[in-house]
Amino acid sequence: MMDRRTTLLALAALPFATACTPAWQRPYRGPEVTRIIVQKSARTMYLMNGDKALKAYHIELGFDPLGHKQFEGDGKTPEGVYFINRRKDDSDFHLSLGISYPNDRDRAFAKEQGKSPGGDIFIHGGPNSWSRKGKDWTAGCVSVTDKEIEEVWRMVRNGTEIVILP
């Protein structure tokens, strides 16, 4: 009798536990995101399932967005094929999904020039401790709103390809 009562109480409490869980921590049950496409010139990011766009977002980029990121501090957002390789829920920018820049080619080019390629490139939300001003304000990252990064965080898995186009 006690086991049945305990089970019923646990089932009754389930909706309340889900309601207390932040949206970005809830499981995503939709189609798999197989690729992310960023079109820098259009300031648009697409979450793709095969050839179908599941979602599109307006984005902000690095403060000097034209061209491929080559060096630390250049303010450019990388171009090319990378992967989502890490997640930070304690970042300075709400939530952050790491982009695998720099790759071996990026590091080799920067080394030939006697410079650092930089790093810590993410898709992220807004800053936690200050206000962004104007457009294209990041140091080279791709930024969306806090609500949007929560959705992207749920939908995108580590290992997902990201193609960043000029």
N, C-alpha and C. Protein backbone atom coordinates (compact mmCIF):
# COMPACT_ATOMS: atom_id res chain seq x y z
N MET A 1 0.82 -1.19 0.00
CA MET A 1 0.00 0.00 0.00
C MET A 1 0.87 1.25 0.00
N MET A 2 1.93 1.24 0.81
CA MET A 2 2.82 2.40 0.89
C MET A 2 3.55 2.62 -0.42
N ASP A 3 3.96 1.55 -1.09
CA ASP A 3 4.66 1.69 -2.36
C ASP A 3 3.77 2.35 -3.41
N ARG A 4 2.52 1.98 -3.44
CA ARG A 4 1.58 2.57 -4.41
C ARG A 4 1.37 4.04 -4.11
N ARG A 5 1.23 4.38 -2.85
CA ARG A 5 1.04 5.79 -2.46
C ARG A 5 2.26 6.62 -2.82
N THR A 6 3.44 6.11 -2.55
CA THR A 6 4.69 6.80 -2.88
C THR A 6 4.79 7.03 -4.38
N THR A 7 4.43 6.01 -5.16
CA THR A 7 4.46 6.13 -6.62
C THR A 7 3.48 7.20 -7.09
N LEU A 8 2.28 7.21 -6.55
CA LEU A 8 1.27 8.21 -6.93
C LEU A 8 1.72 9.62 -6.57
N LEU A 9 2.31 9.78 -5.41
CA LEU A 9 2.82 11.10 -5.01
C LEU A 9 3.94 11.56 -5.93
N ALA A 10 4.82 10.65 -6.29
CA ALA A 10 5.93 10.99 -7.19
C ALA A 10 5.39 11.40 -8.56
N LEU A 11 4.41 10.69 -9.07
CA LEU A 11 3.82 11.04 -10.36
C LEU A 11 3.09 12.37 -10.31
N ALA A 12 2.43 12.65 -9.20
CA ALA A 12 1.72 13.91 -9.05
C ALA A 12 2.69 15.09 -8.99
N ALA A 13 3.88 14.87 -8.45
CA ALA A 13 4.87 15.94 -8.32
C ALA A 13 5.64 16.21 -9.61
N LEU A 14 5.61 15.29 -10.57
CA LEU A 14 6.40 15.40 -11.80
C LEU A 14 6.16 16.70 -12.56
N PRO A 15 4.92 17.14 -12.80
CA PRO A 15 4.72 18.39 -13.54
C PRO A 15 5.35 19.59 -12.82
N PHE A 16 5.36 19.59 -11.50
CA PHE A 16 5.96 20.70 -10.76
C PHE A 16 7.47 20.70 -10.90
N ALA A 17 8.08 19.53 -10.91
CA ALA A 17 9.53 19.44 -11.08
C ALA A 17 9.93 19.95 -12.46
N THR A 18 9.17 19.60 -13.50
CA THR A 18 9.45 20.07 -14.85
C THR A 18 9.27 21.57 -14.95
N ALA A 19 8.26 22.11 -14.30
CA ALA A 19 8.00 23.55 -14.35
C ALA A 19 9.12 24.34 -13.69
N CYS A 20 9.82 23.74 -12.74
CA CYS A 20 10.92 24.43 -12.05
C CYS A 20 12.24 24.33 -12.80
N THR A 21 12.33 23.44 -13.77
CA THR A 21 13.55 23.26 -14.55
C THR A 21 13.64 24.37 -15.59
N PRO A 22 14.76 25.12 -15.64
CA PRO A 22 14.89 26.15 -16.68
C PRO A 22 14.70 25.54 -18.06
N ALA A 23 14.10 26.31 -18.95
CA ALA A 23 13.78 25.83 -20.30
C ALA A 23 15.01 25.26 -21.00
N TRP A 24 16.18 25.89 -20.84
CA TRP A 24 17.37 25.45 -21.56
C TRP A 24 17.90 24.11 -21.05
N GLN A 25 17.41 23.64 -19.90
CA GLN A 25 17.85 22.35 -19.37
C GLN A 25 16.88 21.22 -19.72
N ARG A 26 15.75 21.56 -20.33
CA ARG A 26 14.77 20.53 -20.69
C ARG A 26 15.20 19.83 -21.98
N PRO A 27 14.90 18.54 -22.10
CA PRO A 27 15.31 17.81 -23.31
C PRO A 27 14.61 18.32 -24.56
N TYR A 28 15.32 18.30 -25.65
CA TYR A 28 14.78 18.66 -26.96
C TYR A 28 14.27 17.38 -27.61
N ARG A 29 13.06 17.41 -28.12
CA ARG A 29 12.46 16.21 -28.69
C ARG A 29 12.11 16.36 -30.17
N GLY A 30 12.68 17.35 -30.83
CA GLY A 30 12.39 17.58 -32.23
C GLY A 30 13.40 16.93 -33.16
N PRO A 31 13.36 17.30 -34.44
CA PRO A 31 14.31 16.75 -35.42
C PRO A 31 15.75 17.10 -35.06
N GLU A 32 16.66 16.21 -35.37
CA GLU A 32 18.08 16.41 -35.08
C GLU A 32 18.65 17.58 -35.90
N VAL A 33 19.45 18.41 -35.25
CA VAL A 33 20.19 19.43 -35.97
C VAL A 33 21.46 18.76 -36.48
N THR A 34 21.57 18.65 -37.81
CA THR A 34 22.70 17.95 -38.41
C THR A 34 23.81 18.91 -38.83
N ARG A 35 23.51 20.20 -38.92
CA ARG A 35 24.50 21.19 -39.35
C ARG A 35 23.98 22.58 -38.97
N ILE A 36 24.91 23.46 -38.70
CA ILE A 36 24.62 24.87 -38.51
C ILE A 36 25.25 25.61 -39.68
N ILE A 37 24.50 26.50 -40.29
CA ILE A 37 25.05 27.34 -41.36
C ILE A 37 24.96 28.79 -40.92
N VAL A 38 26.08 29.47 -40.95
CA VAL A 38 26.13 30.90 -40.63
C VAL A 38 26.46 31.64 -41.92
N GLN A 39 25.62 32.59 -42.29
CA GLN A 39 25.89 33.47 -43.43
C GLN A 39 26.20 34.84 -42.85
N LYS A 40 27.50 35.12 -42.75
CA LYS A 40 27.93 36.36 -42.11
C LYS A 40 27.35 37.60 -42.80
N SER A 41 27.39 37.65 -44.13
CA SER A 41 26.93 38.85 -44.85
C SER A 41 25.44 39.10 -44.64
N ALA A 42 24.67 38.06 -44.44
CA ALA A 42 23.22 38.19 -44.22
C ALA A 42 22.90 38.29 -42.73
N ARG A 43 23.92 38.14 -41.86
CA ARG A 43 23.73 38.15 -40.41
C ARG A 43 22.64 37.16 -40.01
N THR A 44 22.75 35.92 -40.56
CA THR A 44 21.75 34.89 -40.30
C THR A 44 22.43 33.57 -39.99
N MET A 45 21.87 32.85 -39.02
CA MET A 45 22.33 31.52 -38.66
C MET A 45 21.14 30.57 -38.80
N TYR A 46 21.39 29.43 -39.46
CA TYR A 46 20.36 28.42 -39.68
C TYR A 46 20.73 27.14 -38.94
N LEU A 47 19.76 26.54 -38.26
CA LEU A 47 19.91 25.19 -37.72
C LEU A 47 19.24 24.27 -38.72
N MET A 48 20.02 23.34 -39.25
CA MET A 48 19.57 22.50 -40.36
C MET A 48 19.36 21.05 -39.93
N ASN A 49 18.40 20.41 -40.59
CA ASN A 49 18.24 18.96 -40.54
C ASN A 49 18.30 18.52 -41.99
N GLY A 50 19.45 18.00 -42.40
CA GLY A 50 19.66 17.70 -43.81
C GLY A 50 19.61 19.00 -44.60
N ASP A 51 18.72 19.08 -45.59
CA ASP A 51 18.58 20.28 -46.41
C ASP A 51 17.49 21.22 -45.91
N LYS A 52 16.85 20.87 -44.81
CA LYS A 52 15.73 21.66 -44.30
C LYS A 52 16.17 22.55 -43.13
N ALA A 53 15.86 23.84 -43.23
CA ALA A 53 16.14 24.76 -42.13
C ALA A 53 15.07 24.58 -41.05
N LEU A 54 15.50 24.22 -39.86
CA LEU A 54 14.57 24.08 -38.73
C LEU A 54 14.31 25.43 -38.08
N LYS A 55 15.34 26.26 -38.00
CA LYS A 55 15.24 27.57 -37.35
C LYS A 55 16.21 28.52 -38.03
N ALA A 56 15.87 29.80 -38.01
CA ALA A 56 16.77 30.85 -38.50
C ALA A 56 16.84 31.93 -37.43
N TYR A 57 18.02 32.51 -37.26
CA TYR A 57 18.23 33.54 -36.24
C TYR A 57 19.01 34.71 -36.82
N HIS A 58 18.65 35.92 -36.41
CA HIS A 58 19.47 37.10 -36.70
C HIS A 58 20.66 37.02 -35.75
N ILE A 59 21.86 37.32 -36.25
CA ILE A 59 23.07 37.21 -35.43
C ILE A 59 23.86 38.52 -35.44
N GLU A 60 24.70 38.66 -34.45
CA GLU A 60 25.73 39.69 -34.38
C GLU A 60 27.07 38.98 -34.44
N LEU A 61 28.08 39.66 -34.98
CA LEU A 61 29.39 39.05 -35.20
C LEU A 61 30.49 39.84 -34.50
N GLY A 62 31.73 39.52 -34.86
CA GLY A 62 32.88 40.26 -34.36
C GLY A 62 32.83 41.71 -34.81
N PHE A 63 33.55 42.58 -34.10
CA PHE A 63 33.47 44.03 -34.36
C PHE A 63 34.09 44.43 -35.70
N ASP A 64 34.85 43.54 -36.35
CA ASP A 64 35.40 43.78 -37.69
C ASP A 64 35.12 42.53 -38.52
N PRO A 65 33.85 42.33 -38.91
CA PRO A 65 33.41 41.01 -39.39
C PRO A 65 33.83 40.60 -40.79
N LEU A 66 34.30 41.51 -41.63
CA LEU A 66 34.65 41.12 -43.00
C LEU A 66 35.94 40.32 -43.02
N GLY A 67 35.89 39.18 -43.69
CA GLY A 67 37.07 38.33 -43.81
C GLY A 67 37.14 37.28 -42.72
N HIS A 68 38.08 36.35 -42.89
CA HIS A 68 38.27 35.22 -41.99
C HIS A 68 39.15 35.62 -40.81
N LYS A 69 38.78 35.15 -39.63
CA LYS A 69 39.59 35.39 -38.44
C LYS A 69 40.97 34.76 -38.65
N GLN A 70 42.02 35.54 -38.39
CA GLN A 70 43.38 35.04 -38.54
C GLN A 70 44.20 35.16 -37.27
N PHE A 71 43.93 36.22 -36.50
CA PHE A 71 44.78 36.51 -35.35
C PHE A 71 43.96 36.92 -34.14
N GLU A 72 44.51 36.66 -32.99
CA GLU A 72 43.90 37.10 -31.76
C GLU A 72 43.70 38.63 -31.79
N GLY A 73 42.51 39.06 -31.44
CA GLY A 73 42.24 40.49 -31.34
C GLY A 73 41.83 41.16 -32.64
N ASP A 74 41.73 40.41 -33.76
CA ASP A 74 41.40 41.06 -35.03
C ASP A 74 39.90 41.38 -35.18
N GLY A 75 39.06 40.89 -34.26
CA GLY A 75 37.64 41.22 -34.29
C GLY A 75 36.85 40.52 -35.38
N LYS A 76 37.45 39.54 -36.02
CA LYS A 76 36.79 38.84 -37.11
C LYS A 76 36.17 37.53 -36.61
N THR A 77 35.10 37.13 -37.26
CA THR A 77 34.47 35.84 -37.00
C THR A 77 35.04 34.87 -38.03
N PRO A 78 35.47 33.67 -37.60
CA PRO A 78 36.08 32.72 -38.54
C PRO A 78 35.15 32.39 -39.71
N GLU A 79 35.74 31.89 -40.78
CA GLU A 79 35.00 31.35 -41.92
C GLU A 79 35.55 29.97 -42.21
N GLY A 80 34.67 29.05 -42.56
CA GLY A 80 35.09 27.69 -42.88
C GLY A 80 34.22 26.68 -42.17
N VAL A 81 34.71 25.45 -42.12
CA VAL A 81 33.98 24.35 -41.50
C VAL A 81 34.62 24.04 -40.15
N TYR A 82 33.82 24.07 -39.12
CA TYR A 82 34.25 23.80 -37.76
C TYR A 82 33.22 22.88 -37.11
N PHE A 83 33.34 22.66 -35.81
CA PHE A 83 32.41 21.80 -35.08
C PHE A 83 32.10 22.42 -33.73
N ILE A 84 30.93 22.12 -33.20
CA ILE A 84 30.60 22.51 -31.83
C ILE A 84 31.35 21.53 -30.94
N ASN A 85 32.24 22.05 -30.09
CA ASN A 85 33.12 21.15 -29.34
C ASN A 85 33.07 21.29 -27.83
N ARG A 86 32.26 22.23 -27.32
CA ARG A 86 32.15 22.36 -25.87
C ARG A 86 30.95 23.23 -25.53
N ARG A 87 30.57 23.20 -24.25
CA ARG A 87 29.43 23.97 -23.77
C ARG A 87 29.82 24.65 -22.47
N LYS A 88 29.36 25.87 -22.30
CA LYS A 88 29.61 26.59 -21.04
C LYS A 88 28.29 27.17 -20.55
N ASP A 89 27.86 26.71 -19.38
CA ASP A 89 26.65 27.29 -18.80
C ASP A 89 27.00 28.31 -17.72
N ASP A 90 28.30 28.57 -17.56
CA ASP A 90 28.76 29.56 -16.58
C ASP A 90 29.61 30.62 -17.26
N SER A 91 29.31 30.91 -18.52
CA SER A 91 30.13 31.85 -19.27
C SER A 91 29.72 33.29 -18.95
N ASP A 92 30.48 34.23 -19.46
CA ASP A 92 30.17 35.66 -19.31
C ASP A 92 29.04 36.09 -20.24
N PHE A 93 28.56 35.18 -21.08
CA PHE A 93 27.56 35.50 -22.10
C PHE A 93 26.38 34.54 -22.04
N HIS A 94 25.72 34.48 -20.91
CA HIS A 94 24.56 33.62 -20.66
C HIS A 94 24.95 32.17 -20.89
N LEU A 95 24.65 31.60 -22.03
CA LEU A 95 25.08 30.24 -22.38
C LEU A 95 25.97 30.32 -23.61
N SER A 96 26.91 29.39 -23.74
CA SER A 96 27.85 29.43 -24.86
C SER A 96 28.11 28.03 -25.40
N LEU A 97 28.11 27.95 -26.73
CA LEU A 97 28.50 26.72 -27.43
C LEU A 97 29.81 26.99 -28.15
N GLY A 98 30.84 26.23 -27.82
CA GLY A 98 32.17 26.45 -28.38
C GLY A 98 32.28 26.00 -29.82
N ILE A 99 32.97 26.81 -30.61
CA ILE A 99 33.29 26.50 -32.01
C ILE A 99 34.76 26.10 -32.06
N SER A 100 35.09 25.07 -32.81
CA SER A 100 36.43 24.46 -32.78
C SER A 100 37.52 25.30 -33.45
N TYR A 101 37.34 26.60 -33.60
CA TYR A 101 38.41 27.49 -34.06
C TYR A 101 39.40 27.67 -32.93
N PRO A 102 40.69 27.66 -33.17
CA PRO A 102 41.38 27.49 -34.44
C PRO A 102 41.60 26.00 -34.75
N ASN A 103 41.57 25.69 -36.03
CA ASN A 103 41.93 24.34 -36.46
C ASN A 103 43.43 24.32 -36.79
N ASP A 104 43.95 23.20 -37.25
CA ASP A 104 45.38 23.07 -37.53
C ASP A 104 45.84 24.10 -38.58
N ARG A 105 45.04 24.31 -39.61
CA ARG A 105 45.40 25.27 -40.67
C ARG A 105 45.45 26.69 -40.12
N ASP A 106 44.47 27.05 -39.25
CA ASP A 106 44.45 28.39 -38.65
C ASP A 106 45.69 28.60 -37.77
N ARG A 107 46.06 27.59 -36.99
CA ARG A 107 47.23 27.71 -36.11
C ARG A 107 48.52 27.82 -36.93
N ALA A 108 48.63 27.03 -37.99
CA ALA A 108 49.84 27.06 -38.83
C ALA A 108 50.00 28.42 -39.50
N PHE A 109 48.92 29.00 -40.02
CA PHE A 109 49.00 30.30 -40.67
C PHE A 109 49.44 31.37 -39.67
N ALA A 110 48.81 31.39 -38.51
CA ALA A 110 49.17 32.40 -37.50
C ALA A 110 50.63 32.24 -37.08
N LYS A 111 51.08 31.00 -36.92
CA LYS A 111 52.46 30.75 -36.51
C LYS A 111 53.44 31.27 -37.56
N GLU A 112 53.12 31.04 -38.86
CA GLU A 112 53.96 31.56 -39.95
C GLU A 112 54.10 33.08 -39.88
N GLN A 113 53.06 33.72 -39.39
CA GLN A 113 53.06 35.18 -39.30
C GLN A 113 53.61 35.67 -37.96
N GLY A 114 53.98 34.73 -37.08
CA GLY A 114 54.52 35.10 -35.78
C GLY A 114 53.47 35.64 -34.82
N LYS A 115 52.22 35.20 -35.00
CA LYS A 115 51.12 35.70 -34.17
C LYS A 115 50.32 34.55 -33.59
N SER A 116 49.45 34.87 -32.65
CA SER A 116 48.51 33.91 -32.09
C SER A 116 47.22 33.92 -32.91
N PRO A 117 46.62 32.73 -33.17
CA PRO A 117 45.37 32.71 -33.91
C PRO A 117 44.18 33.15 -33.07
N GLY A 118 44.35 33.25 -31.75
CA GLY A 118 43.22 33.53 -30.88
C GLY A 118 42.45 32.24 -30.63
N GLY A 119 41.32 32.38 -30.03
CA GLY A 119 40.50 31.21 -29.70
C GLY A 119 39.28 31.64 -28.92
N ASP A 120 38.70 30.71 -28.20
CA ASP A 120 37.48 30.97 -27.42
C ASP A 120 36.39 31.61 -28.27
N ILE A 121 36.12 31.01 -29.42
CA ILE A 121 35.06 31.47 -30.31
C ILE A 121 33.82 30.64 -30.00
N PHE A 122 32.70 31.32 -29.79
CA PHE A 122 31.47 30.67 -29.35
C PHE A 122 30.26 31.20 -30.11
N ILE A 123 29.17 30.44 -30.06
CA ILE A 123 27.83 30.96 -30.29
C ILE A 123 27.32 31.24 -28.88
N HIS A 124 26.89 32.46 -28.61
CA HIS A 124 26.47 32.78 -27.25
C HIS A 124 25.34 33.80 -27.23
N GLY A 125 24.80 33.97 -26.02
CA GLY A 125 23.79 34.98 -25.78
C GLY A 125 24.44 36.31 -25.44
N GLY A 126 23.68 37.16 -24.80
CA GLY A 126 24.18 38.48 -24.44
C GLY A 126 25.10 38.43 -23.24
N PRO A 127 25.84 39.52 -23.03
CA PRO A 127 26.75 39.59 -21.88
C PRO A 127 25.98 39.62 -20.56
N ASN A 128 26.56 39.01 -19.54
CA ASN A 128 25.92 38.97 -18.23
C ASN A 128 26.19 40.22 -17.40
N SER A 129 27.32 40.86 -17.60
CA SER A 129 27.72 41.92 -16.67
C SER A 129 27.82 43.31 -17.30
N TRP A 130 27.48 43.46 -18.56
CA TRP A 130 27.54 44.77 -19.20
C TRP A 130 26.60 44.77 -20.39
N SER A 131 26.33 45.94 -20.95
CA SER A 131 25.42 46.06 -22.09
C SER A 131 26.22 46.13 -23.37
N ARG A 132 25.72 45.42 -24.37
CA ARG A 132 26.36 45.53 -25.67
C ARG A 132 25.89 46.82 -26.32
N LYS A 133 26.73 47.37 -27.15
CA LYS A 133 26.42 48.63 -27.82
C LYS A 133 26.54 48.42 -29.32
N GLY A 134 25.49 48.77 -30.05
CA GLY A 134 25.53 48.70 -31.50
C GLY A 134 25.53 47.27 -32.00
N LYS A 135 25.81 47.14 -33.31
CA LYS A 135 25.84 45.80 -33.89
C LYS A 135 27.27 45.33 -34.06
N ASP A 136 27.42 44.03 -34.24
CA ASP A 136 28.74 43.42 -34.42
C ASP A 136 29.70 43.87 -33.32
N TRP A 137 29.39 43.44 -32.13
CA TRP A 137 30.08 43.89 -30.93
C TRP A 137 30.99 42.84 -30.31
N THR A 138 30.96 41.59 -30.80
CA THR A 138 31.74 40.53 -30.14
C THR A 138 33.21 40.62 -30.55
N ALA A 139 34.03 39.81 -29.91
CA ALA A 139 35.46 39.75 -30.26
C ALA A 139 35.72 38.77 -31.41
N GLY A 140 34.66 38.17 -31.96
CA GLY A 140 34.79 37.22 -33.07
C GLY A 140 33.75 36.11 -32.99
N CYS A 141 32.91 36.16 -31.99
CA CYS A 141 31.88 35.14 -31.79
C CYS A 141 30.63 35.42 -32.61
N VAL A 142 29.68 34.50 -32.52
CA VAL A 142 28.36 34.63 -33.12
C VAL A 142 27.40 34.80 -31.95
N SER A 143 26.65 35.91 -31.93
CA SER A 143 25.76 36.17 -30.81
C SER A 143 24.30 36.20 -31.25
N VAL A 144 23.45 35.61 -30.41
CA VAL A 144 22.00 35.67 -30.55
C VAL A 144 21.44 36.17 -29.21
N THR A 145 20.12 36.31 -29.11
CA THR A 145 19.54 36.75 -27.85
C THR A 145 19.64 35.64 -26.81
N ASP A 146 19.44 35.98 -25.55
CA ASP A 146 19.49 34.98 -24.49
C ASP A 146 18.42 33.91 -24.69
N LYS A 147 17.22 34.31 -25.05
CA LYS A 147 16.14 33.34 -25.29
C LYS A 147 16.51 32.41 -26.44
N GLU A 148 17.12 32.97 -27.49
CA GLU A 148 17.51 32.15 -28.64
C GLU A 148 18.64 31.18 -28.30
N ILE A 149 19.63 31.61 -27.52
CA ILE A 149 20.72 30.69 -27.18
C ILE A 149 20.20 29.55 -26.32
N GLU A 150 19.18 29.80 -25.52
CA GLU A 150 18.58 28.71 -24.74
C GLU A 150 17.99 27.66 -25.67
N GLU A 151 17.33 28.11 -26.74
CA GLU A 151 16.76 27.18 -27.73
C GLU A 151 17.87 26.45 -28.50
N VAL A 152 18.88 27.19 -28.94
CA VAL A 152 20.00 26.60 -29.68
C VAL A 152 20.72 25.57 -28.78
N TRP A 153 20.95 25.92 -27.53
CA TRP A 153 21.61 25.04 -26.56
C TRP A 153 20.90 23.69 -26.49
N ARG A 154 19.58 23.71 -26.44
CA ARG A 154 18.80 22.48 -26.34
C ARG A 154 18.86 21.67 -27.63
N MET A 155 18.87 22.34 -28.78
CA MET A 155 18.75 21.66 -30.07
C MET A 155 20.07 21.11 -30.61
N VAL A 156 21.18 21.77 -30.31
CA VAL A 156 22.47 21.44 -30.93
C VAL A 156 23.30 20.57 -29.98
N ARG A 157 23.86 19.53 -30.52
CA ARG A 157 24.71 18.60 -29.76
C ARG A 157 26.18 18.88 -30.06
N ASN A 158 27.04 18.55 -29.11
CA ASN A 158 28.48 18.61 -29.38
C ASN A 158 28.79 17.70 -30.56
N GLY A 159 29.71 18.14 -31.41
CA GLY A 159 30.06 17.39 -32.61
C GLY A 159 29.32 17.86 -33.85
N THR A 160 28.32 18.72 -33.68
CA THR A 160 27.57 19.23 -34.82
C THR A 160 28.46 20.11 -35.68
N GLU A 161 28.43 19.90 -36.98
CA GLU A 161 29.21 20.70 -37.92
C GLU A 161 28.62 22.11 -37.98
N ILE A 162 29.51 23.10 -38.06
CA ILE A 162 29.10 24.49 -38.28
C ILE A 162 29.87 25.01 -39.48
N VAL A 163 29.15 25.48 -40.48
CA VAL A 163 29.75 26.04 -41.70
C VAL A 163 29.54 27.54 -41.64
N ILE A 164 30.64 28.29 -41.60
CA ILE A 164 30.56 29.75 -41.51
C ILE A 164 30.99 30.32 -42.85
N LEU A 165 30.04 30.97 -43.52
CA LEU A 165 30.25 31.51 -44.86
C LEU A 165 30.44 33.03 -44.78
N PRO A 166 31.18 33.60 -45.77
CA PRO A 166 31.36 35.07 -45.78
C PRO A 166 30.03 35.81 -45.81
